[in-house]
Amino acid sequence: MKLVAKLVVLFFAIAMSINAQNAYRGDTITPEGAVTVSQAIEKLEKEGKVANIKVKGKVSAVCQKKGCWMIITDGNKEIKVVFKDYSFFVPKDIDGYEVIVEGPLFYEIISVEQRKHYAQDAGASQEEIDKITEPLKIPMIEARGVIIIGYGKN
């Protein structure tokens, strides 16, 4: 009987450690079917807008005020990620973590004013902010859910 109790405790410890390896924000999504950032952008370029897509990438920047946006990359391309209806945020310390996001993908024109605001949120220096003088067209996902892979803090 002691062996059975030890096995049950071991099973729950393993299950807890597996669940602690990822953090979830927004709607619960699964990793199946996720494409790279570059593959997502190729699809966007062909279709003009993608109604729903799962994308896996590495976080290269996060809003340092609230965690209300992030940039993900695959080393070649990048996508800005915002969160559906501003209803959830991501932790501010996930720079370098792999994530999976799901939602519509589209192009957004970012005004000079908004670009400066984002740069300030990301912690850019005033010198860097002052260099922003043109609007920018970027690929953006409005994520309804996020999986932060290997981030054990929920």
N, C-alpha and C. Protein backbone atom coordinates (compact mmCIF):
# COMPACT_ATOMS: atom_id res chain seq x y z
N MET A 1 0.83 -1.20 0.00
CA MET A 1 0.00 0.00 0.00
C MET A 1 0.87 1.25 0.00
N LYS A 2 2.01 1.21 0.70
CA LYS A 2 2.90 2.37 0.72
C LYS A 2 3.44 2.66 -0.68
N LEU A 3 3.70 1.60 -1.43
CA LEU A 3 4.19 1.77 -2.80
C LEU A 3 3.15 2.49 -3.65
N VAL A 4 1.88 2.12 -3.51
CA VAL A 4 0.81 2.76 -4.27
C VAL A 4 0.73 4.24 -3.89
N ALA A 5 0.82 4.55 -2.62
CA ALA A 5 0.76 5.95 -2.17
C ALA A 5 1.93 6.74 -2.73
N LYS A 6 3.12 6.14 -2.72
CA LYS A 6 4.29 6.82 -3.26
C LYS A 6 4.14 7.06 -4.76
N LEU A 7 3.60 6.09 -5.47
CA LEU A 7 3.38 6.24 -6.91
C LEU A 7 2.36 7.34 -7.21
N VAL A 8 1.31 7.40 -6.41
CA VAL A 8 0.30 8.45 -6.60
C VAL A 8 0.93 9.82 -6.37
N VAL A 9 1.72 9.97 -5.30
CA VAL A 9 2.39 11.24 -5.02
C VAL A 9 3.35 11.59 -6.15
N LEU A 10 4.11 10.61 -6.64
CA LEU A 10 5.04 10.84 -7.74
C LEU A 10 4.29 11.27 -9.00
N PHE A 11 3.18 10.60 -9.29
CA PHE A 11 2.37 10.96 -10.46
C PHE A 11 1.91 12.41 -10.38
N PHE A 12 1.39 12.81 -9.23
CA PHE A 12 0.91 14.20 -9.08
C PHE A 12 2.06 15.20 -9.13
N ALA A 13 3.20 14.84 -8.62
CA ALA A 13 4.36 15.74 -8.69
C ALA A 13 4.80 15.94 -10.13
N ILE A 14 4.82 14.86 -10.91
CA ILE A 14 5.18 14.97 -12.33
C ILE A 14 4.13 15.79 -13.07
N ALA A 15 2.86 15.52 -12.81
CA ALA A 15 1.79 16.27 -13.48
C ALA A 15 1.88 17.75 -13.15
N MET A 16 2.15 18.08 -11.91
CA MET A 16 2.26 19.49 -11.51
C MET A 16 3.46 20.14 -12.19
N SER A 17 4.58 19.44 -12.31
CA SER A 17 5.76 20.04 -12.93
C SER A 17 5.54 20.23 -14.43
N ILE A 18 4.81 19.33 -15.07
CA ILE A 18 4.50 19.49 -16.49
C ILE A 18 3.61 20.70 -16.68
N ASN A 19 2.57 20.84 -15.87
CA ASN A 19 1.67 21.97 -15.99
C ASN A 19 2.37 23.28 -15.66
N ALA A 20 3.37 23.26 -14.81
CA ALA A 20 4.07 24.48 -14.41
C ALA A 20 5.04 24.95 -15.49
N GLN A 21 5.27 24.14 -16.51
CA GLN A 21 6.24 24.50 -17.53
C GLN A 21 5.71 25.53 -18.52
N ASN A 22 4.43 25.73 -18.57
CA ASN A 22 3.85 26.71 -19.48
C ASN A 22 2.90 27.61 -18.72
N ALA A 23 2.78 28.83 -19.18
CA ALA A 23 1.79 29.76 -18.62
C ALA A 23 0.83 30.12 -19.74
N TYR A 24 -0.39 30.38 -19.38
CA TYR A 24 -1.43 30.69 -20.34
C TYR A 24 -2.05 32.04 -20.01
N ARG A 25 -2.37 32.80 -21.05
CA ARG A 25 -3.05 34.08 -20.89
C ARG A 25 -4.18 34.13 -21.90
N GLY A 26 -5.28 34.78 -21.54
CA GLY A 26 -6.42 34.89 -22.43
C GLY A 26 -7.14 33.56 -22.55
N ASP A 27 -7.73 33.31 -23.71
CA ASP A 27 -8.43 32.05 -23.96
C ASP A 27 -7.43 30.91 -23.97
N THR A 28 -7.87 29.74 -23.55
CA THR A 28 -7.01 28.56 -23.59
C THR A 28 -6.86 28.11 -25.04
N ILE A 29 -5.62 28.03 -25.48
CA ILE A 29 -5.33 27.57 -26.84
C ILE A 29 -4.38 26.39 -26.74
N THR A 30 -4.22 25.66 -27.85
CA THR A 30 -3.32 24.52 -27.91
C THR A 30 -2.19 24.83 -28.89
N PRO A 31 -1.07 24.14 -28.79
CA PRO A 31 0.05 24.42 -29.69
C PRO A 31 -0.09 23.80 -31.08
N GLU A 32 -1.00 22.85 -31.26
CA GLU A 32 -1.12 22.15 -32.53
C GLU A 32 -1.40 23.11 -33.67
N GLY A 33 -0.67 22.91 -34.75
CA GLY A 33 -0.90 23.69 -35.96
C GLY A 33 -0.20 25.04 -36.02
N ALA A 34 0.60 25.35 -35.02
CA ALA A 34 1.30 26.64 -35.03
C ALA A 34 2.34 26.68 -36.14
N VAL A 35 2.45 27.84 -36.79
CA VAL A 35 3.43 28.05 -37.86
C VAL A 35 4.47 29.05 -37.38
N THR A 36 5.57 29.16 -38.10
CA THR A 36 6.60 30.13 -37.75
C THR A 36 6.13 31.54 -38.10
N VAL A 37 6.82 32.51 -37.57
CA VAL A 37 6.53 33.91 -37.88
C VAL A 37 6.66 34.14 -39.39
N SER A 38 7.73 33.65 -39.98
CA SER A 38 7.95 33.83 -41.43
C SER A 38 6.83 33.19 -42.24
N GLN A 39 6.39 31.99 -41.87
CA GLN A 39 5.29 31.33 -42.58
C GLN A 39 4.00 32.13 -42.46
N ALA A 40 3.76 32.69 -41.28
CA ALA A 40 2.56 33.50 -41.06
C ALA A 40 2.58 34.75 -41.94
N ILE A 41 3.73 35.40 -42.02
CA ILE A 41 3.84 36.61 -42.83
C ILE A 41 3.70 36.29 -44.32
N GLU A 42 4.24 35.14 -44.77
CA GLU A 42 4.04 34.72 -46.16
C GLU A 42 2.56 34.57 -46.47
N LYS A 43 1.83 33.94 -45.56
CA LYS A 43 0.39 33.77 -45.74
C LYS A 43 -0.30 35.13 -45.77
N LEU A 44 0.09 36.04 -44.88
CA LEU A 44 -0.49 37.38 -44.84
C LEU A 44 -0.25 38.12 -46.15
N GLU A 45 0.97 38.02 -46.68
CA GLU A 45 1.29 38.69 -47.94
C GLU A 45 0.44 38.17 -49.09
N LYS A 46 0.12 36.88 -49.08
CA LYS A 46 -0.71 36.29 -50.14
C LYS A 46 -2.18 36.66 -49.99
N GLU A 47 -2.66 36.70 -48.73
CA GLU A 47 -4.09 36.84 -48.49
C GLU A 47 -4.52 38.26 -48.09
N GLY A 48 -3.59 39.09 -47.66
CA GLY A 48 -3.94 40.45 -47.22
C GLY A 48 -4.42 40.54 -45.79
N LYS A 49 -5.11 39.51 -45.30
CA LYS A 49 -5.55 39.40 -43.91
C LYS A 49 -5.84 37.93 -43.66
N VAL A 50 -5.51 37.44 -42.47
CA VAL A 50 -5.74 36.05 -42.12
C VAL A 50 -6.71 36.04 -40.94
N ALA A 51 -7.87 35.41 -41.10
CA ALA A 51 -8.93 35.45 -40.09
C ALA A 51 -8.49 34.85 -38.76
N ASN A 52 -7.73 33.77 -38.81
CA ASN A 52 -7.26 33.13 -37.57
C ASN A 52 -6.03 32.29 -37.89
N ILE A 53 -5.01 32.42 -37.05
CA ILE A 53 -3.77 31.68 -37.25
C ILE A 53 -3.08 31.49 -35.90
N LYS A 54 -2.36 30.37 -35.78
CA LYS A 54 -1.51 30.13 -34.61
C LYS A 54 -0.07 30.34 -35.04
N VAL A 55 0.66 31.11 -34.28
CA VAL A 55 2.04 31.43 -34.63
C VAL A 55 2.93 31.18 -33.41
N LYS A 56 4.07 30.53 -33.67
CA LYS A 56 5.06 30.30 -32.62
C LYS A 56 6.28 31.17 -32.91
N GLY A 57 6.75 31.85 -31.89
CA GLY A 57 7.93 32.68 -32.05
C GLY A 57 8.57 32.99 -30.71
N LYS A 58 9.73 33.62 -30.78
CA LYS A 58 10.46 34.01 -29.57
C LYS A 58 10.14 35.48 -29.29
N VAL A 59 9.88 35.78 -28.03
CA VAL A 59 9.59 37.16 -27.63
C VAL A 59 10.87 37.97 -27.69
N SER A 60 10.83 39.08 -28.45
CA SER A 60 12.01 39.95 -28.54
C SER A 60 11.80 41.28 -27.83
N ALA A 61 10.55 41.61 -27.48
CA ALA A 61 10.27 42.83 -26.73
C ALA A 61 8.89 42.70 -26.10
N VAL A 62 8.72 43.34 -24.94
CA VAL A 62 7.45 43.35 -24.22
C VAL A 62 7.22 44.75 -23.68
N CYS A 63 5.98 45.20 -23.69
CA CYS A 63 5.65 46.47 -23.06
C CYS A 63 6.06 46.41 -21.60
N GLN A 64 6.90 47.34 -21.18
CA GLN A 64 7.40 47.33 -19.81
C GLN A 64 6.51 48.11 -18.84
N LYS A 65 5.43 48.68 -19.34
CA LYS A 65 4.48 49.36 -18.45
C LYS A 65 3.47 48.37 -17.90
N LYS A 66 2.84 47.57 -18.80
CA LYS A 66 1.77 46.66 -18.38
C LYS A 66 1.88 45.25 -18.96
N GLY A 67 2.72 45.06 -19.98
CA GLY A 67 2.70 43.78 -20.68
C GLY A 67 1.55 43.74 -21.68
N CYS A 68 1.18 44.91 -22.22
CA CYS A 68 0.00 45.01 -23.09
C CYS A 68 0.31 44.75 -24.56
N TRP A 69 1.56 44.52 -24.92
CA TRP A 69 1.94 44.10 -26.27
C TRP A 69 3.28 43.41 -26.21
N MET A 70 3.61 42.68 -27.26
CA MET A 70 4.93 42.06 -27.37
C MET A 70 5.27 41.92 -28.85
N ILE A 71 6.54 41.73 -29.12
CA ILE A 71 7.03 41.44 -30.47
C ILE A 71 7.55 40.01 -30.45
N ILE A 72 7.15 39.22 -31.46
CA ILE A 72 7.68 37.86 -31.57
C ILE A 72 8.43 37.74 -32.89
N THR A 73 9.43 36.87 -32.89
CA THR A 73 10.28 36.70 -34.06
C THR A 73 10.67 35.24 -34.22
N ASP A 74 11.08 34.90 -35.43
CA ASP A 74 11.69 33.59 -35.67
C ASP A 74 13.14 33.77 -36.11
N GLY A 75 13.67 34.97 -35.91
CA GLY A 75 15.03 35.27 -36.31
C GLY A 75 15.12 35.94 -37.67
N ASN A 76 14.06 35.82 -38.47
CA ASN A 76 14.03 36.42 -39.80
C ASN A 76 13.00 37.54 -39.88
N LYS A 77 11.83 37.30 -39.39
CA LYS A 77 10.71 38.24 -39.45
C LYS A 77 10.18 38.45 -38.04
N GLU A 78 9.34 39.50 -37.90
CA GLU A 78 8.72 39.73 -36.60
C GLU A 78 7.28 40.19 -36.77
N ILE A 79 6.49 39.93 -35.72
CA ILE A 79 5.09 40.29 -35.67
C ILE A 79 4.83 40.95 -34.32
N LYS A 80 4.08 42.04 -34.35
CA LYS A 80 3.64 42.66 -33.11
C LYS A 80 2.38 41.94 -32.65
N VAL A 81 2.28 41.68 -31.36
CA VAL A 81 1.14 41.00 -30.78
C VAL A 81 0.46 41.94 -29.78
N VAL A 82 -0.82 42.18 -30.00
CA VAL A 82 -1.65 42.88 -29.03
C VAL A 82 -2.70 41.89 -28.56
N PHE A 83 -3.48 42.26 -27.55
CA PHE A 83 -4.37 41.29 -26.94
C PHE A 83 -5.84 41.70 -27.08
N LYS A 84 -6.65 40.73 -27.48
CA LYS A 84 -8.05 40.96 -27.82
C LYS A 84 -8.76 41.78 -26.75
N ASP A 85 -9.35 42.86 -27.18
CA ASP A 85 -10.15 43.74 -26.32
C ASP A 85 -9.37 44.25 -25.10
N TYR A 86 -8.03 44.21 -25.18
CA TYR A 86 -7.20 44.70 -24.06
C TYR A 86 -7.58 43.97 -22.77
N SER A 87 -8.03 42.69 -22.92
CA SER A 87 -8.61 41.96 -21.80
C SER A 87 -7.60 41.17 -20.97
N PHE A 88 -6.38 41.04 -21.45
CA PHE A 88 -5.34 40.36 -20.68
C PHE A 88 -3.99 40.90 -21.11
N PHE A 89 -2.99 40.62 -20.30
CA PHE A 89 -1.63 41.06 -20.57
C PHE A 89 -0.69 39.88 -20.36
N VAL A 90 0.56 40.05 -20.79
CA VAL A 90 1.58 39.04 -20.54
C VAL A 90 2.57 39.57 -19.50
N PRO A 91 3.30 38.68 -18.83
CA PRO A 91 4.31 39.14 -17.88
C PRO A 91 5.38 39.98 -18.59
N LYS A 92 5.91 40.94 -17.90
CA LYS A 92 6.89 41.85 -18.50
C LYS A 92 8.28 41.22 -18.60
N ASP A 93 8.48 40.05 -17.99
CA ASP A 93 9.80 39.42 -17.96
C ASP A 93 9.92 38.21 -18.89
N ILE A 94 9.16 38.19 -19.99
CA ILE A 94 9.20 37.02 -20.87
C ILE A 94 10.07 37.20 -22.11
N ASP A 95 10.83 38.27 -22.17
CA ASP A 95 11.76 38.48 -23.28
C ASP A 95 12.64 37.24 -23.42
N GLY A 96 12.71 36.67 -24.62
CA GLY A 96 13.51 35.47 -24.86
C GLY A 96 12.74 34.16 -24.76
N TYR A 97 11.54 34.18 -24.22
CA TYR A 97 10.73 32.96 -24.13
C TYR A 97 10.04 32.68 -25.46
N GLU A 98 9.81 31.40 -25.73
CA GLU A 98 9.01 30.99 -26.88
C GLU A 98 7.54 31.12 -26.48
N VAL A 99 6.72 31.59 -27.42
CA VAL A 99 5.29 31.70 -27.18
C VAL A 99 4.53 31.17 -28.39
N ILE A 100 3.29 30.82 -28.15
CA ILE A 100 2.35 30.51 -29.22
C ILE A 100 1.17 31.45 -29.01
N VAL A 101 0.78 32.13 -30.08
CA VAL A 101 -0.35 33.05 -30.02
C VAL A 101 -1.36 32.64 -31.08
N GLU A 102 -2.61 32.97 -30.85
CA GLU A 102 -3.64 32.66 -31.83
C GLU A 102 -4.59 33.83 -31.97
N GLY A 103 -4.91 34.16 -33.21
CA GLY A 103 -5.85 35.23 -33.49
C GLY A 103 -5.73 35.68 -34.93
N PRO A 104 -6.45 36.76 -35.28
CA PRO A 104 -6.36 37.29 -36.64
C PRO A 104 -5.03 37.99 -36.87
N LEU A 105 -4.52 37.88 -38.10
CA LEU A 105 -3.25 38.50 -38.51
C LEU A 105 -3.55 39.50 -39.63
N PHE A 106 -3.02 40.70 -39.50
CA PHE A 106 -3.30 41.76 -40.47
C PHE A 106 -2.16 42.76 -40.46
N TYR A 107 -2.17 43.66 -41.43
CA TYR A 107 -1.21 44.75 -41.45
C TYR A 107 -1.81 45.95 -40.73
N GLU A 108 -0.99 46.64 -39.98
CA GLU A 108 -1.39 47.84 -39.25
C GLU A 108 -0.41 48.95 -39.60
N ILE A 109 -0.92 50.15 -39.82
CA ILE A 109 -0.07 51.32 -40.01
C ILE A 109 0.08 51.99 -38.65
N ILE A 110 1.31 52.07 -38.18
CA ILE A 110 1.59 52.67 -36.88
C ILE A 110 2.05 54.11 -37.10
N SER A 111 1.31 55.06 -36.55
CA SER A 111 1.65 56.47 -36.71
C SER A 111 2.96 56.78 -35.98
N VAL A 112 3.56 57.91 -36.32
CA VAL A 112 4.79 58.35 -35.65
C VAL A 112 4.53 58.48 -34.15
N GLU A 113 3.41 59.11 -33.80
CA GLU A 113 3.07 59.29 -32.38
C GLU A 113 2.96 57.95 -31.65
N GLN A 114 2.25 57.00 -32.27
CA GLN A 114 2.09 55.69 -31.65
C GLN A 114 3.43 54.95 -31.57
N ARG A 115 4.25 55.05 -32.61
CA ARG A 115 5.57 54.41 -32.58
C ARG A 115 6.41 54.95 -31.43
N LYS A 116 6.35 56.24 -31.23
CA LYS A 116 7.10 56.86 -30.11
C LYS A 116 6.57 56.36 -28.77
N HIS A 117 5.25 56.23 -28.68
CA HIS A 117 4.64 55.72 -27.45
C HIS A 117 5.11 54.28 -27.18
N TYR A 118 5.08 53.44 -28.23
CA TYR A 118 5.54 52.06 -28.07
C TYR A 118 7.02 52.01 -27.68
N ALA A 119 7.84 52.84 -28.29
CA ALA A 119 9.27 52.88 -27.96
C ALA A 119 9.47 53.26 -26.50
N GLN A 120 8.69 54.23 -26.05
CA GLN A 120 8.78 54.64 -24.65
C GLN A 120 8.36 53.48 -23.73
N ASP A 121 7.26 52.78 -24.09
CA ASP A 121 6.80 51.62 -23.31
C ASP A 121 7.86 50.52 -23.25
N ALA A 122 8.63 50.40 -24.33
CA ALA A 122 9.66 49.35 -24.39
C ALA A 122 10.94 49.77 -23.68
N GLY A 123 10.99 51.01 -23.18
CA GLY A 123 12.16 51.46 -22.44
C GLY A 123 13.24 52.07 -23.30
N ALA A 124 12.90 52.53 -24.51
CA ALA A 124 13.90 53.14 -25.40
C ALA A 124 14.39 54.47 -24.83
N SER A 125 15.58 54.83 -25.20
CA SER A 125 16.13 56.12 -24.76
C SER A 125 15.44 57.25 -25.53
N GLN A 126 15.54 58.46 -25.00
CA GLN A 126 14.95 59.61 -25.69
C GLN A 126 15.59 59.81 -27.06
N GLU A 127 16.89 59.53 -27.16
CA GLU A 127 17.59 59.64 -28.44
C GLU A 127 16.97 58.71 -29.48
N GLU A 128 16.69 57.45 -29.07
CA GLU A 128 16.06 56.50 -29.97
C GLU A 128 14.65 56.95 -30.36
N ILE A 129 13.91 57.46 -29.40
CA ILE A 129 12.55 57.92 -29.65
C ILE A 129 12.55 59.09 -30.64
N ASP A 130 13.49 60.00 -30.48
CA ASP A 130 13.56 61.17 -31.36
C ASP A 130 13.88 60.81 -32.81
N LYS A 131 14.46 59.65 -33.05
CA LYS A 131 14.79 59.21 -34.41
C LYS A 131 13.57 58.69 -35.17
N ILE A 132 12.46 58.52 -34.50
CA ILE A 132 11.25 58.01 -35.15
C ILE A 132 10.55 59.18 -35.84
N THR A 133 10.53 59.13 -37.18
CA THR A 133 9.96 60.24 -37.95
C THR A 133 8.99 59.80 -39.04
N GLU A 134 8.79 58.49 -39.23
CA GLU A 134 7.93 57.98 -40.30
C GLU A 134 6.94 56.97 -39.72
N PRO A 135 5.72 56.93 -40.28
CA PRO A 135 4.82 55.84 -39.90
C PRO A 135 5.39 54.51 -40.40
N LEU A 136 4.88 53.42 -39.88
CA LEU A 136 5.42 52.11 -40.21
C LEU A 136 4.28 51.11 -40.40
N LYS A 137 4.33 50.34 -41.49
CA LYS A 137 3.36 49.27 -41.75
C LYS A 137 3.95 47.98 -41.19
N ILE A 138 3.23 47.36 -40.27
CA ILE A 138 3.74 46.14 -39.63
C ILE A 138 2.68 45.05 -39.59
N PRO A 139 3.13 43.78 -39.58
CA PRO A 139 2.19 42.69 -39.35
C PRO A 139 1.84 42.63 -37.86
N MET A 140 0.55 42.42 -37.58
CA MET A 140 0.08 42.40 -36.20
C MET A 140 -0.93 41.29 -36.00
N ILE A 141 -0.86 40.66 -34.84
CA ILE A 141 -1.86 39.67 -34.43
C ILE A 141 -2.59 40.24 -33.22
N GLU A 142 -3.91 40.13 -33.24
CA GLU A 142 -4.71 40.44 -32.06
C GLU A 142 -5.01 39.10 -31.39
N ALA A 143 -4.15 38.73 -30.46
CA ALA A 143 -4.22 37.39 -29.86
C ALA A 143 -5.42 37.26 -28.93
N ARG A 144 -6.08 36.13 -29.06
CA ARG A 144 -7.15 35.81 -28.12
C ARG A 144 -6.64 34.90 -27.02
N GLY A 145 -5.46 34.30 -27.27
CA GLY A 145 -4.83 33.43 -26.28
C GLY A 145 -3.34 33.34 -26.53
N VAL A 146 -2.60 33.09 -25.44
CA VAL A 146 -1.14 32.99 -25.50
C VAL A 146 -0.69 31.83 -24.62
N ILE A 147 0.27 31.05 -25.13
CA ILE A 147 0.98 30.05 -24.33
C ILE A 147 2.41 30.54 -24.22
N ILE A 148 2.91 30.67 -22.99
CA ILE A 148 4.31 31.05 -22.77
C ILE A 148 5.04 29.77 -22.38
N ILE A 149 5.85 29.26 -23.29
CA ILE A 149 6.47 27.95 -23.12
C ILE A 149 7.63 28.03 -22.13
N GLY A 150 7.57 27.16 -21.13
CA GLY A 150 8.65 27.09 -20.15
C GLY A 150 8.60 28.16 -19.07
N TYR A 151 7.53 28.93 -19.04
CA TYR A 151 7.38 29.98 -18.04
C TYR A 151 6.52 29.42 -16.92
N GLY A 152 7.14 29.09 -15.84
CA GLY A 152 6.45 28.38 -14.75
C GLY A 152 5.62 29.26 -13.84
N LYS A 153 5.69 30.58 -13.97
CA LYS A 153 4.93 31.46 -13.09
C LYS A 153 3.56 31.70 -13.71
N ASN A 154 2.53 31.49 -12.98
CA ASN A 154 1.18 31.81 -13.47
C ASN A 154 0.67 32.90 -12.64
